[in-house]
Amino acid sequence: MIWWPTEVPTLTHGLITLRAPQESDIPAIFEGAQDPLIPIFTRIPSNYSMANAEFYVRERSPNAFANQTELQLALEYGNGEDAKFAGAFSFHSMDLREHVGEIGYWLCAPMRGKGIGSSATKLLTQFGFESIGFERIEAVVNVENIASRRLLEKSGYTLEGIMRKKSRKEDGTQIDMALYAATREDWQGL
């Protein structure tokens, strides 16, 4: 059975916190999205503006949650006043009838390669299985995004195949995407 929370959850494990995006995150979201790798490997456009970050926090995220179409979370790393915005995570492309969701994420450049992303992925995946009730969680990544593929494998996801010409880049080229998945029955947990 799928359960949808009445409010955006706050999930914590060690120095990792996933929580609702806040007004104070807007400058960090904008700044993080300026990294040239972000539009290459995500659906965030290369011309991402401050207005885009404001829309994401003020409208898109709360409306998607209210409509049960996406659960968007800010990733925070650290304790107390030292905690910093580290990226964004979500469950999207959900099929609640089939008990399937897709996880997505991006990390600010200084936060990459430290295990922060894999810890956050494990935390959100566990929430998806134990609290929401997903039976399967998928991740679809650009085949050239080796770092993201390693993150998923480290987080307990299995490569199921390559989807040829699955996604269109900003320049109009079609790219292959790798399909990863974790299932409730195989999930090892945090």
C-alpha atoms as a PDB file:
ATOM      1  CA  MET A   1       0.000   0.000   0.000  1.00  0.00           C
ATOM      2  CA  ILE A   2       1.306   3.446  -0.902  1.00  0.00           C
ATOM      3  CA  TRP A   3       1.316   6.055   1.824  1.00  0.00           C
ATOM      4  CA  TRP A   4       1.838   9.725   1.060  1.00  0.00           C
ATOM      5  CA  PRO A   5       3.027  11.907   3.952  1.00  0.00           C
ATOM      6  CA  THR A   6       0.889  14.815   5.112  1.00  0.00           C
ATOM      7  CA  GLU A   7       3.963  17.048   5.174  1.00  0.00           C
ATOM      8  CA  VAL A   8       7.375  16.925   3.541  1.00  0.00           C
ATOM      9  CA  PRO A   9       9.478  14.682   5.777  1.00  0.00           C
ATOM     10  CA  THR A  10      12.839  15.504   7.296  1.00  0.00           C
ATOM     11  CA  LEU A  11      15.153  12.510   7.051  1.00  0.00           C
ATOM     12  CA  THR A  12      18.446  12.422   8.935  1.00  0.00           C
ATOM     13  CA  HIS A  13      21.335   9.989   9.067  1.00  0.00           C
ATOM     14  CA  GLY A  14      24.638  11.158  10.564  1.00  0.00           C
ATOM     15  CA  LEU A  15      25.583  14.478   8.941  1.00  0.00           C
ATOM     16  CA  ILE A  16      23.045  14.000   6.114  1.00  0.00           C
ATOM     17  CA  THR A  17      19.644  15.691   6.225  1.00  0.00           C
ATOM     18  CA  LEU A  18      16.991  15.590   3.521  1.00  0.00           C
ATOM     19  CA  ARG A  19      14.281  18.176   4.085  1.00  0.00           C
ATOM     20  CA  ALA A  20      11.846  20.461   2.308  1.00  0.00           C
ATOM     21  CA  PRO A  21      13.517  23.142   0.197  1.00  0.00           C
ATOM     22  CA  GLN A  22      13.457  26.495   2.011  1.00  0.00           C
ATOM     23  CA  GLU A  23      13.588  30.125   1.039  1.00  0.00           C
ATOM     24  CA  SER A  24      17.152  30.313   2.396  1.00  0.00           C
ATOM     25  CA  ASP A  25      18.217  27.602  -0.104  1.00  0.00           C
ATOM     26  CA  ILE A  26      17.420  29.725  -3.160  1.00  0.00           C
ATOM     27  CA  PRO A  27      20.893  31.332  -3.566  1.00  0.00           C
ATOM     28  CA  ALA A  28      22.654  27.981  -3.033  1.00  0.00           C
ATOM     29  CA  ILE A  29      20.345  26.203  -5.504  1.00  0.00           C
ATOM     30  CA  PHE A  30      21.046  28.884  -8.089  1.00  0.00           C
ATOM     31  CA  GLU A  31      24.794  28.760  -7.436  1.00  0.00           C
ATOM     32  CA  GLY A  32      24.922  24.943  -7.523  1.00  0.00           C
ATOM     33  CA  ALA A  33      23.027  24.831 -10.810  1.00  0.00           C
ATOM     34  CA  GLN A  34      25.679  27.048 -12.465  1.00  0.00           C
ATOM     35  CA  ASP A  35      28.091  24.089 -12.482  1.00  0.00           C
ATOM     36  CA  PRO A  36      28.531  23.158 -16.169  1.00  0.00           C
ATOM     37  CA  LEU A  37      28.127  19.430 -15.376  1.00  0.00           C
ATOM     38  CA  ILE A  38      24.586  19.910 -14.038  1.00  0.00           C
ATOM     39  CA  PRO A  39      22.853  20.568 -17.392  1.00  0.00           C
ATOM     40  CA  ILE A  40      24.937  17.845 -19.063  1.00  0.00           C
ATOM     41  CA  PHE A  41      23.743  15.132 -16.688  1.00  0.00           C
ATOM     42  CA  THR A  42      20.352  16.414 -15.467  1.00  0.00           C
ATOM     43  CA  ARG A  43      17.270  18.097 -16.880  1.00  0.00           C
ATOM     44  CA  ILE A  44      18.264  21.423 -15.332  1.00  0.00           C
ATOM     45  CA  PRO A  45      18.766  23.903 -18.191  1.00  0.00           C
ATOM     46  CA  SER A  46      22.140  25.537 -18.843  1.00  0.00           C
ATOM     47  CA  ASN A  47      20.542  28.975 -18.501  1.00  0.00           C
ATOM     48  CA  TYR A  48      19.192  28.260 -14.991  1.00  0.00           C
ATOM     49  CA  SER A  49      18.340  31.594 -13.372  1.00  0.00           C
ATOM     50  CA  MET A  50      17.619  32.915  -9.906  1.00  0.00           C
ATOM     51  CA  ALA A  51      13.956  33.028 -10.978  1.00  0.00           C
ATOM     52  CA  ASN A  52      14.143  29.265 -11.691  1.00  0.00           C
ATOM     53  CA  ALA A  53      15.466  28.627  -8.168  1.00  0.00           C
ATOM     54  CA  GLU A  54      12.731  30.824  -6.670  1.00  0.00           C
ATOM     55  CA  PHE A  55      10.053  29.000  -8.669  1.00  0.00           C
ATOM     56  CA  TYR A  56      11.434  25.617  -7.594  1.00  0.00           C
ATOM     57  CA  VAL A  57      11.293  26.483  -3.877  1.00  0.00           C
ATOM     58  CA  ARG A  58       8.135  28.613  -3.811  1.00  0.00           C
ATOM     59  CA  GLU A  59       5.894  26.858  -6.342  1.00  0.00           C
ATOM     60  CA  ARG A  60       7.125  23.711  -8.071  1.00  0.00           C
ATOM     61  CA  SER A  61       8.218  21.783  -4.987  1.00  0.00           C
ATOM     62  CA  PRO A  62       5.184  22.526  -2.769  1.00  0.00           C
ATOM     63  CA  ASN A  63       2.694  22.076  -5.632  1.00  0.00           C
ATOM     64  CA  ALA A  64       4.220  18.763  -6.726  1.00  0.00           C
ATOM     65  CA  PHE A  65       4.050  17.534  -3.136  1.00  0.00           C
ATOM     66  CA  ALA A  66       0.418  18.638  -2.737  1.00  0.00           C
ATOM     67  CA  ASN A  67      -0.484  16.914  -6.034  1.00  0.00           C
ATOM     68  CA  GLN A  68       1.465  13.771  -5.042  1.00  0.00           C
ATOM     69  CA  THR A  69       3.504  13.881  -8.245  1.00  0.00           C
ATOM     70  CA  GLU A  70       6.958  14.512  -6.748  1.00  0.00           C
ATOM     71  CA  LEU A  71       8.703  14.577  -3.399  1.00  0.00           C
ATOM     72  CA  GLN A  72      11.497  17.119  -3.730  1.00  0.00           C
ATOM     73  CA  LEU A  73      14.048  17.485  -0.970  1.00  0.00           C
ATOM     74  CA  ALA A  74      17.040  19.686  -0.247  1.00  0.00           C
ATOM     75  CA  LEU A  75      20.192  17.864   0.820  1.00  0.00           C
ATOM     76  CA  GLU A  76      21.989  19.445   3.733  1.00  0.00           C
ATOM     77  CA  TYR A  77      25.383  18.302   4.990  1.00  0.00           C
ATOM     78  CA  GLY A  78      26.818  19.092   8.433  1.00  0.00           C
ATOM     79  CA  ASN A  79      25.606  19.950  11.930  1.00  0.00           C
ATOM     80  CA  GLY A  80      23.790  23.012  13.220  1.00  0.00           C
ATOM     81  CA  GLU A  81      25.146  26.320  11.945  1.00  0.00           C
ATOM     82  CA  ASP A  82      27.841  24.515   9.958  1.00  0.00           C
ATOM     83  CA  ALA A  83      25.262  22.664   7.835  1.00  0.00           C
ATOM     84  CA  LYS A  84      25.377  23.574   4.158  1.00  0.00           C
ATOM     85  CA  PHE A  85      23.087  23.035   1.192  1.00  0.00           C
ATOM     86  CA  ALA A  86      24.682  20.153  -0.724  1.00  0.00           C
ATOM     87  CA  GLY A  87      22.215  19.374  -3.526  1.00  0.00           C
ATOM     88  CA  ALA A  88      18.704  18.247  -4.354  1.00  0.00           C
ATOM     89  CA  PHE A  89      16.986  14.842  -4.272  1.00  0.00           C
ATOM     90  CA  SER A  90      13.555  13.698  -5.355  1.00  0.00           C
ATOM     91  CA  PHE A  91      11.137  10.934  -6.025  1.00  0.00           C
ATOM     92  CA  HIS A  92       9.469  11.664  -9.361  1.00  0.00           C
ATOM     93  CA  SER A  93       7.945   9.827 -12.333  1.00  0.00           C
ATOM     94  CA  MET A  94       5.992   7.824  -9.786  1.00  0.00           C
ATOM     95  CA  ASP A  95       3.421   5.192 -10.607  1.00  0.00           C
ATOM     96  CA  LEU A  96       1.597   4.879  -7.310  1.00  0.00           C
ATOM     97  CA  ARG A  97      -0.686   2.147  -8.639  1.00  0.00           C
ATOM     98  CA  GLU A  98       2.328   0.005  -9.528  1.00  0.00           C
ATOM     99  CA  HIS A  99       4.249   1.025  -6.358  1.00  0.00           C
ATOM    100  CA  VAL A 100       7.185   2.317  -8.415  1.00  0.00           C
ATOM    101  CA  GLY A 101       9.071   5.587  -8.167  1.00  0.00           C
ATOM    102  CA  GLU A 102      12.169   7.109  -9.700  1.00  0.00           C
ATOM    103  CA  ILE A 103      14.903   8.726  -7.647  1.00  0.00           C
ATOM    104  CA  GLY A 104      16.764  11.736  -8.980  1.00  0.00           C
ATOM    105  CA  TYR A 105      19.472  13.963  -7.582  1.00  0.00           C
ATOM    106  CA  TRP A 106      22.231  16.440  -8.202  1.00  0.00           C
ATOM    107  CA  LEU A 107      25.076  17.489  -5.922  1.00  0.00           C
ATOM    108  CA  CYS A 108      26.929  20.758  -5.599  1.00  0.00           C
ATOM    109  CA  ALA A 109      30.475  20.347  -6.962  1.00  0.00           C
ATOM    110  CA  PRO A 110      32.277  20.672  -3.579  1.00  0.00           C
ATOM    111  CA  MET A 111      30.108  17.876  -2.126  1.00  0.00           C
ATOM    112  CA  ARG A 112      30.917  15.253  -4.753  1.00  0.00           C
ATOM    113  CA  GLY A 113      33.210  12.296  -4.157  1.00  0.00           C
ATOM    114  CA  LYS A 114      32.775  12.294  -0.364  1.00  0.00           C
ATOM    115  CA  GLY A 115      30.060   9.654   0.042  1.00  0.00           C
ATOM    116  CA  ILE A 116      27.422  12.313   0.725  1.00  0.00           C
ATOM    117  CA  GLY A 117      25.379  11.441  -2.365  1.00  0.00           C
ATOM    118  CA  SER A 118      25.390   7.696  -1.750  1.00  0.00           C
ATOM    119  CA  SER A 119      24.417   8.205   1.901  1.00  0.00           C
ATOM    120  CA  ALA A 120      21.539  10.466   0.877  1.00  0.00           C
ATOM    121  CA  THR A 121      20.480   7.993  -1.820  1.00  0.00           C
ATOM    122  CA  LYS A 122      20.387   5.162   0.715  1.00  0.00           C
ATOM    123  CA  LEU A 123      18.426   7.323   3.174  1.00  0.00           C
ATOM    124  CA  LEU A 124      15.795   8.325   0.623  1.00  0.00           C
ATOM    125  CA  THR A 125      15.581   4.796  -0.794  1.00  0.00           C
ATOM    126  CA  GLN A 126      14.965   3.380   2.664  1.00  0.00           C
ATOM    127  CA  PHE A 127      12.213   5.957   3.229  1.00  0.00           C
ATOM    128  CA  GLY A 128      10.698   5.020  -0.143  1.00  0.00           C
ATOM    129  CA  PHE A 129      10.510   1.349   0.764  1.00  0.00           C
ATOM    130  CA  GLU A 130       9.679   1.534   4.466  1.00  0.00           C
ATOM    131  CA  SER A 131       7.417   4.585   4.643  1.00  0.00           C
ATOM    132  CA  ILE A 132       5.940   5.267   1.210  1.00  0.00           C
ATOM    133  CA  GLY A 133       5.610   1.598   0.293  1.00  0.00           C
ATOM    134  CA  PHE A 134       7.418   1.420  -3.047  1.00  0.00           C
ATOM    135  CA  GLU A 135       8.248  -2.068  -4.280  1.00  0.00           C
ATOM    136  CA  ARG A 136      10.718  -0.749  -6.857  1.00  0.00           C
ATOM    137  CA  ILE A 137      12.745   2.448  -7.160  1.00  0.00           C
ATOM    138  CA  GLU A 138      14.405   3.259 -10.458  1.00  0.00           C
ATOM    139  CA  ALA A 139      17.178   5.636 -11.444  1.00  0.00           C
ATOM    140  CA  VAL A 140      17.844   6.671 -15.027  1.00  0.00           C
ATOM    141  CA  VAL A 141      21.254   8.233 -15.707  1.00  0.00           C
ATOM    142  CA  ASN A 142      23.270   9.314 -18.711  1.00  0.00           C
ATOM    143  CA  VAL A 143      25.527   6.386 -19.642  1.00  0.00           C
ATOM    144  CA  GLU A 144      28.487   8.797 -19.658  1.00  0.00           C
ATOM    145  CA  ASN A 145      27.868   9.890 -16.055  1.00  0.00           C
ATOM    146  CA  ILE A 146      30.294   7.407 -14.503  1.00  0.00           C
ATOM    147  CA  ALA A 147      30.260   9.113 -11.081  1.00  0.00           C
ATOM    148  CA  SER A 148      26.471   8.838 -10.813  1.00  0.00           C
ATOM    149  CA  ARG A 149      26.541   5.231 -11.951  1.00  0.00           C
ATOM    150  CA  ARG A 150      29.103   4.410  -9.244  1.00  0.00           C
ATOM    151  CA  LEU A 151      27.008   6.269  -6.668  1.00  0.00           C
ATOM    152  CA  LEU A 152      23.976   4.139  -7.523  1.00  0.00           C
ATOM    153  CA  GLU A 153      25.922   0.884  -7.395  1.00  0.00           C
ATOM    154  CA  LYS A 154      27.442   1.891  -4.043  1.00  0.00           C
ATOM    155  CA  SER A 155      23.900   2.674  -2.847  1.00  0.00           C
ATOM    156  CA  GLY A 156      22.570  -0.819  -3.623  1.00  0.00           C
ATOM    157  CA  TYR A 157      21.094  -0.244  -7.085  1.00  0.00           C
ATOM    158  CA  THR A 158      21.585  -2.768  -9.894  1.00  0.00           C
ATOM    159  CA  LEU A 159      22.156  -1.949 -13.548  1.00  0.00           C
ATOM    160  CA  GLU A 160      19.273  -3.477 -15.492  1.00  0.00           C
ATOM    161  CA  GLY A 161      20.143  -2.275 -18.957  1.00  0.00           C
ATOM    162  CA  ILE A 162      20.946   0.507 -21.376  1.00  0.00           C
ATOM    163  CA  MET A 163      18.043   2.339 -22.963  1.00  0.00           C
ATOM    164  CA  ARG A 164      19.221   3.491 -26.372  1.00  0.00           C
ATOM    165  CA  LYS A 165      18.340   7.029 -27.477  1.00  0.00           C
ATOM    166  CA  LYS A 166      16.186   7.461 -24.340  1.00  0.00           C
ATOM    167  CA  SER A 167      16.718  11.164 -23.653  1.00  0.00           C
ATOM    168  CA  ARG A 168      17.188  14.392 -25.606  1.00  0.00           C
ATOM    169  CA  LYS A 169      19.885  16.889 -24.634  1.00  0.00           C
ATOM    170  CA  GLU A 170      19.509  20.657 -24.941  1.00  0.00           C
ATOM    171  CA  ASP A 171      21.415  20.602 -28.227  1.00  0.00           C
ATOM    172  CA  GLY A 172      18.908  18.125 -29.701  1.00  0.00           C
ATOM    173  CA  THR A 173      21.069  15.012 -29.655  1.00  0.00           C
ATOM    174  CA  GLN A 174      19.548  11.771 -28.388  1.00  0.00           C
ATOM    175  CA  ILE A 175      21.553   9.982 -25.699  1.00  0.00           C
ATOM    176  CA  ASP A 176      21.589   6.538 -24.164  1.00  0.00           C
ATOM    177  CA  MET A 177      20.547   6.193 -20.539  1.00  0.00           C
ATOM    178  CA  ALA A 178      21.415   3.500 -18.002  1.00  0.00           C
ATOM    179  CA  LEU A 179      18.489   2.040 -16.053  1.00  0.00           C
ATOM    180  CA  TYR A 180      19.250   1.132 -12.445  1.00  0.00           C
ATOM    181  CA  ALA A 181      16.789  -0.202  -9.899  1.00  0.00           C
ATOM    182  CA  ALA A 182      16.471  -1.322  -6.310  1.00  0.00           C
ATOM    183  CA  THR A 183      13.640  -3.543  -5.139  1.00  0.00           C
ATOM    184  CA  ARG A 184      12.195  -3.891  -1.682  1.00  0.00           C
ATOM    185  CA  GLU A 185      12.979  -7.611  -1.525  1.00  0.00           C
ATOM    186  CA  ASP A 186      16.668  -7.069  -2.354  1.00  0.00           C
ATOM    187  CA  TRP A 187      17.189  -3.859  -0.349  1.00  0.00           C
ATOM    188  CA  GLN A 188      19.965  -4.128   2.233  1.00  0.00           C
ATOM    189  CA  GLY A 189      19.118  -0.868   4.014  1.00  0.00           C
ATOM    190  CA  LEU A 190      21.409   1.750   5.453  1.00  0.00           C
END
